[in-house]
Amino acid sequence: MMNEPIRWLLIEGIAALFGAGGLYLLVGLCFKIAGSTNPFAWREAFDPLGWLYGAIVIDIQSIVRLMSTSDIHPALTAGCIATAVFCCVLLTSAMHLRGSKTG
């Protein structure tokens, strides 16, 4: 049986950061196996927007965990909230810039 910090790291941390990219690569591999002749953008698996989204998910999970524990860590909780807000604003800005690009 895995201890709690390792389980959190593997399931909730790593999955949040690498899940979308891994799924994207798996879909590309399936297209390749199926014999698709359409070009596939492999580099998109390492999209910075996915990393920002993963950071937000991990921050929110950390905030919920910190707020539900009996130990009070106000500075750590405030730091997690500040990072989540910053990543969310940065992600929104990046999405806006990507969506507004012409050409």
N, C-alpha and C. Protein backbone atom coordinates (compact mmCIF):
# COMPACT_ATOMS: atom_id res chain seq x y z
N MET A 1 0.84 -1.18 0.00
CA MET A 1 0.00 0.00 0.00
C MET A 1 0.88 1.25 0.00
N MET A 2 0.53 2.22 -0.84
CA MET A 2 1.29 3.47 -0.93
C MET A 2 0.96 4.39 0.25
N ASN A 3 1.99 5.11 0.72
CA ASN A 3 1.68 6.08 1.76
C ASN A 3 1.04 7.32 1.12
N GLU A 4 0.42 8.13 1.93
CA GLU A 4 -0.41 9.26 1.44
C GLU A 4 0.37 10.28 0.59
N PRO A 5 1.54 10.76 1.01
CA PRO A 5 2.24 11.74 0.17
C PRO A 5 2.63 11.19 -1.21
N ILE A 6 3.06 9.93 -1.27
CA ILE A 6 3.44 9.34 -2.56
C ILE A 6 2.21 9.18 -3.44
N ARG A 7 1.10 8.73 -2.87
CA ARG A 7 -0.14 8.58 -3.63
C ARG A 7 -0.58 9.93 -4.18
N TRP A 8 -0.51 10.97 -3.35
CA TRP A 8 -0.90 12.30 -3.80
C TRP A 8 -0.01 12.77 -4.94
N LEU A 9 1.30 12.56 -4.79
CA LEU A 9 2.23 12.99 -5.82
C LEU A 9 1.97 12.28 -7.14
N LEU A 10 1.83 10.97 -7.10
CA LEU A 10 1.66 10.20 -8.34
C LEU A 10 0.29 10.40 -8.98
N ILE A 11 -0.76 10.34 -8.20
CA ILE A 11 -2.11 10.39 -8.77
C ILE A 11 -2.59 11.81 -8.99
N GLU A 12 -2.46 12.66 -7.99
CA GLU A 12 -3.02 14.00 -8.10
C GLU A 12 -2.03 15.02 -8.65
N GLY A 13 -0.74 14.80 -8.46
CA GLY A 13 0.26 15.76 -8.93
C GLY A 13 0.73 15.47 -10.34
N ILE A 14 1.34 14.31 -10.53
CA ILE A 14 1.90 13.95 -11.83
C ILE A 14 0.80 13.83 -12.89
N ALA A 15 -0.32 13.24 -12.52
CA ALA A 15 -1.42 13.08 -13.47
C ALA A 15 -1.93 14.44 -13.95
N ALA A 16 -1.98 15.41 -13.05
CA ALA A 16 -2.45 16.74 -13.43
C ALA A 16 -1.49 17.43 -14.39
N LEU A 17 -0.18 17.24 -14.18
CA LEU A 17 0.79 17.90 -15.04
C LEU A 17 0.99 17.21 -16.39
N PHE A 18 1.04 15.89 -16.37
CA PHE A 18 1.37 15.16 -17.59
C PHE A 18 0.18 14.48 -18.25
N GLY A 19 -0.98 14.51 -17.62
CA GLY A 19 -2.14 13.79 -18.12
C GLY A 19 -2.57 14.22 -19.51
N ALA A 20 -2.76 15.51 -19.73
CA ALA A 20 -3.24 15.99 -21.03
C ALA A 20 -2.20 15.73 -22.13
N GLY A 21 -0.94 15.99 -21.85
CA GLY A 21 0.12 15.74 -22.83
C GLY A 21 0.25 14.27 -23.16
N GLY A 22 0.17 13.42 -22.14
CA GLY A 22 0.24 11.98 -22.36
C GLY A 22 -0.94 11.48 -23.17
N LEU A 23 -2.12 11.98 -22.88
CA LEU A 23 -3.31 11.59 -23.63
C LEU A 23 -3.19 12.04 -25.09
N TYR A 24 -2.67 13.24 -25.30
CA TYR A 24 -2.45 13.76 -26.65
C TYR A 24 -1.48 12.86 -27.43
N LEU A 25 -0.38 12.46 -26.79
CA LEU A 25 0.58 11.58 -27.44
C LEU A 25 -0.03 10.21 -27.74
N LEU A 26 -0.86 9.71 -26.84
CA LEU A 26 -1.53 8.43 -27.06
C LEU A 26 -2.47 8.50 -28.26
N VAL A 27 -3.21 9.59 -28.38
CA VAL A 27 -4.10 9.77 -29.54
C VAL A 27 -3.27 9.83 -30.83
N GLY A 28 -2.16 10.56 -30.80
CA GLY A 28 -1.29 10.63 -31.99
C GLY A 28 -0.74 9.27 -32.36
N LEU A 29 -0.34 8.49 -31.36
CA LEU A 29 0.15 7.15 -31.61
C LEU A 29 -0.93 6.27 -32.22
N CYS A 30 -2.15 6.38 -31.73
CA CYS A 30 -3.27 5.61 -32.29
C CYS A 30 -3.53 6.00 -33.74
N PHE A 31 -3.45 7.29 -34.06
CA PHE A 31 -3.61 7.72 -35.45
C PHE A 31 -2.50 7.11 -36.32
N LYS A 32 -1.28 7.10 -35.80
CA LYS A 32 -0.14 6.55 -36.53
C LYS A 32 -0.34 5.06 -36.79
N ILE A 33 -0.75 4.32 -35.75
CA ILE A 33 -0.98 2.88 -35.88
C ILE A 33 -2.10 2.60 -36.88
N ALA A 34 -3.14 3.44 -36.85
CA ALA A 34 -4.28 3.26 -37.75
C ALA A 34 -3.93 3.60 -39.20
N GLY A 35 -2.77 4.20 -39.42
CA GLY A 35 -2.32 4.48 -40.78
C GLY A 35 -2.73 5.84 -41.31
N SER A 36 -3.00 6.78 -40.42
CA SER A 36 -3.38 8.12 -40.85
C SER A 36 -2.22 8.78 -41.60
N THR A 37 -2.53 9.39 -42.73
CA THR A 37 -1.51 10.09 -43.52
C THR A 37 -1.51 11.59 -43.23
N ASN A 38 -2.46 12.04 -42.43
CA ASN A 38 -2.49 13.46 -42.06
C ASN A 38 -1.35 13.76 -41.10
N PRO A 39 -0.69 14.91 -41.28
CA PRO A 39 0.40 15.26 -40.35
C PRO A 39 -0.17 15.50 -38.95
N PHE A 40 0.58 15.09 -37.95
CA PHE A 40 0.17 15.24 -36.55
C PHE A 40 1.19 16.13 -35.85
N ALA A 41 0.71 17.14 -35.14
CA ALA A 41 1.59 18.11 -34.47
C ALA A 41 2.03 17.54 -33.11
N TRP A 42 3.11 16.76 -33.11
CA TRP A 42 3.59 16.09 -31.89
C TRP A 42 4.02 17.10 -30.83
N ARG A 43 4.55 18.24 -31.26
CA ARG A 43 5.06 19.23 -30.31
C ARG A 43 3.96 19.83 -29.44
N GLU A 44 2.73 19.74 -29.89
CA GLU A 44 1.62 20.31 -29.11
C GLU A 44 1.40 19.57 -27.79
N ALA A 45 1.96 18.38 -27.64
CA ALA A 45 1.83 17.65 -26.38
C ALA A 45 2.54 18.39 -25.24
N PHE A 46 3.48 19.24 -25.58
CA PHE A 46 4.24 19.99 -24.58
C PHE A 46 3.77 21.44 -24.54
N ASP A 47 2.48 21.63 -24.71
CA ASP A 47 1.86 22.95 -24.74
C ASP A 47 1.94 23.62 -23.36
N PRO A 48 2.45 24.86 -23.30
CA PRO A 48 2.55 25.55 -22.02
C PRO A 48 1.20 25.80 -21.35
N LEU A 49 0.13 25.87 -22.13
CA LEU A 49 -1.18 26.07 -21.52
C LEU A 49 -1.57 24.87 -20.66
N GLY A 50 -1.19 23.68 -21.10
CA GLY A 50 -1.45 22.48 -20.31
C GLY A 50 -0.68 22.49 -19.00
N TRP A 51 0.54 23.00 -19.04
CA TRP A 51 1.34 23.08 -17.82
C TRP A 51 0.74 24.09 -16.84
N LEU A 52 0.25 25.21 -17.37
CA LEU A 52 -0.39 26.19 -16.49
C LEU A 52 -1.66 25.62 -15.87
N TYR A 53 -2.44 24.93 -16.67
CA TYR A 53 -3.66 24.31 -16.15
C TYR A 53 -3.31 23.28 -15.07
N GLY A 54 -2.29 22.48 -15.31
CA GLY A 54 -1.85 21.51 -14.31
C GLY A 54 -1.40 22.18 -13.03
N ALA A 55 -0.71 23.30 -13.14
CA ALA A 55 -0.27 24.04 -11.95
C ALA A 55 -1.46 24.56 -11.16
N ILE A 56 -2.49 25.02 -11.86
CA ILE A 56 -3.69 25.50 -11.18
C ILE A 56 -4.38 24.35 -10.44
N VAL A 57 -4.48 23.20 -11.09
CA VAL A 57 -5.12 22.04 -10.46
C VAL A 57 -4.37 21.63 -9.20
N ILE A 58 -3.04 21.56 -9.28
CA ILE A 58 -2.24 21.19 -8.10
C ILE A 58 -2.38 22.24 -7.00
N ASP A 59 -2.40 23.53 -7.37
CA ASP A 59 -2.58 24.58 -6.37
C ASP A 59 -3.93 24.45 -5.66
N ILE A 60 -4.98 24.23 -6.43
CA ILE A 60 -6.31 24.11 -5.83
C ILE A 60 -6.38 22.89 -4.92
N GLN A 61 -5.79 21.78 -5.36
CA GLN A 61 -5.75 20.59 -4.51
C GLN A 61 -4.99 20.87 -3.21
N SER A 62 -3.90 21.59 -3.32
CA SER A 62 -3.11 21.93 -2.13
C SER A 62 -3.90 22.84 -1.19
N ILE A 63 -4.61 23.82 -1.75
CA ILE A 63 -5.41 24.73 -0.92
C ILE A 63 -6.49 23.97 -0.18
N VAL A 64 -7.20 23.10 -0.88
CA VAL A 64 -8.26 22.32 -0.24
C VAL A 64 -7.69 21.45 0.86
N ARG A 65 -6.57 20.82 0.58
CA ARG A 65 -5.95 19.95 1.58
C ARG A 65 -5.46 20.76 2.80
N LEU A 66 -4.87 21.92 2.54
CA LEU A 66 -4.38 22.75 3.65
C LEU A 66 -5.53 23.29 4.50
N MET A 67 -6.64 23.62 3.86
CA MET A 67 -7.77 24.18 4.60
C MET A 67 -8.56 23.11 5.35
N SER A 68 -8.41 21.86 4.95
CA SER A 68 -9.17 20.80 5.62
C SER A 68 -8.38 20.08 6.71
N THR A 69 -7.15 20.47 6.91
CA THR A 69 -6.33 19.84 7.93
C THR A 69 -6.50 20.55 9.28
N SER A 70 -6.17 19.84 10.33
CA SER A 70 -6.28 20.45 11.66
C SER A 70 -5.11 21.40 11.95
N ASP A 71 -3.98 21.20 11.27
CA ASP A 71 -2.83 22.10 11.43
C ASP A 71 -3.10 23.38 10.62
N ILE A 72 -2.83 24.50 11.22
CA ILE A 72 -3.08 25.77 10.54
C ILE A 72 -1.75 26.29 9.98
N HIS A 73 -1.75 26.52 8.67
CA HIS A 73 -0.58 27.05 7.96
C HIS A 73 -1.02 28.24 7.12
N PRO A 74 -1.27 29.41 7.74
CA PRO A 74 -1.82 30.53 6.99
C PRO A 74 -0.88 31.05 5.90
N ALA A 75 0.42 31.08 6.15
CA ALA A 75 1.35 31.59 5.14
C ALA A 75 1.40 30.66 3.93
N LEU A 76 1.44 29.37 4.19
CA LEU A 76 1.49 28.39 3.09
C LEU A 76 0.18 28.41 2.29
N THR A 77 -0.95 28.51 2.99
CA THR A 77 -2.25 28.58 2.32
C THR A 77 -2.34 29.85 1.48
N ALA A 78 -1.91 30.97 2.04
CA ALA A 78 -1.94 32.24 1.29
C ALA A 78 -1.02 32.17 0.08
N GLY A 79 0.13 31.53 0.23
CA GLY A 79 1.05 31.37 -0.91
C GLY A 79 0.43 30.53 -2.02
N CYS A 80 -0.25 29.46 -1.64
CA CYS A 80 -0.92 28.61 -2.63
C CYS A 80 -2.04 29.36 -3.33
N ILE A 81 -2.80 30.13 -2.58
CA ILE A 81 -3.89 30.92 -3.18
C ILE A 81 -3.31 31.95 -4.14
N ALA A 82 -2.24 32.63 -3.74
CA ALA A 82 -1.62 33.64 -4.61
C ALA A 82 -1.08 33.00 -5.89
N THR A 83 -0.47 31.82 -5.77
CA THR A 83 0.06 31.15 -6.97
C THR A 83 -1.07 30.69 -7.88
N ALA A 84 -2.15 30.20 -7.29
CA ALA A 84 -3.29 29.76 -8.10
C ALA A 84 -3.90 30.93 -8.86
N VAL A 85 -4.05 32.07 -8.18
CA VAL A 85 -4.60 33.26 -8.84
C VAL A 85 -3.66 33.72 -9.96
N PHE A 86 -2.36 33.77 -9.67
CA PHE A 86 -1.40 34.19 -10.69
C PHE A 86 -1.43 33.26 -11.90
N CYS A 87 -1.41 31.95 -11.67
CA CYS A 87 -1.45 31.00 -12.79
C CYS A 87 -2.75 31.10 -13.57
N CYS A 88 -3.84 31.34 -12.87
CA CYS A 88 -5.14 31.47 -13.53
C CYS A 88 -5.17 32.71 -14.43
N VAL A 89 -4.67 33.83 -13.92
CA VAL A 89 -4.61 35.07 -14.73
C VAL A 89 -3.66 34.87 -15.91
N LEU A 90 -2.54 34.23 -15.68
CA LEU A 90 -1.58 33.97 -16.75
C LEU A 90 -2.17 33.04 -17.80
N LEU A 91 -2.88 32.00 -17.38
CA LEU A 91 -3.53 31.09 -18.31
C LEU A 91 -4.60 31.81 -19.12
N THR A 92 -5.40 32.63 -18.47
CA THR A 92 -6.44 33.39 -19.17
C THR A 92 -5.81 34.33 -20.19
N SER A 93 -4.73 34.99 -19.83
CA SER A 93 -4.04 35.89 -20.75
C SER A 93 -3.47 35.12 -21.95
N ALA A 94 -2.85 33.98 -21.68
CA ALA A 94 -2.28 33.18 -22.76
C ALA A 94 -3.37 32.64 -23.69
N MET A 95 -4.51 32.23 -23.12
CA MET A 95 -5.61 31.77 -23.94
C MET A 95 -6.15 32.89 -24.82
N HIS A 96 -6.25 34.09 -24.23
CA HIS A 96 -6.72 35.25 -25.00
C HIS A 96 -5.77 35.57 -26.16
N LEU A 97 -4.46 35.56 -25.86
CA LEU A 97 -3.49 35.85 -26.91
C LEU A 97 -3.53 34.79 -28.01
N ARG A 98 -3.64 33.53 -27.64
CA ARG A 98 -3.69 32.45 -28.64
C ARG A 98 -4.96 32.57 -29.48
N GLY A 99 -6.06 32.91 -28.85
CA GLY A 99 -7.32 33.02 -29.56
C GLY A 99 -7.41 34.24 -30.45
N SER A 100 -6.64 35.27 -30.14
CA SER A 100 -6.72 36.50 -30.92
C SER A 100 -5.68 36.59 -32.03
N LYS A 101 -4.80 35.60 -32.13
CA LYS A 101 -3.78 35.62 -33.19
C LYS A 101 -4.45 35.46 -34.54
N THR A 102 -4.04 36.25 -35.49
CA THR A 102 -4.56 36.12 -36.85
C THR A 102 -3.49 35.51 -37.73
N GLY A 103 -3.94 34.67 -38.63
CA GLY A 103 -3.00 34.09 -39.58
C GLY A 103 -2.46 32.82 -39.24
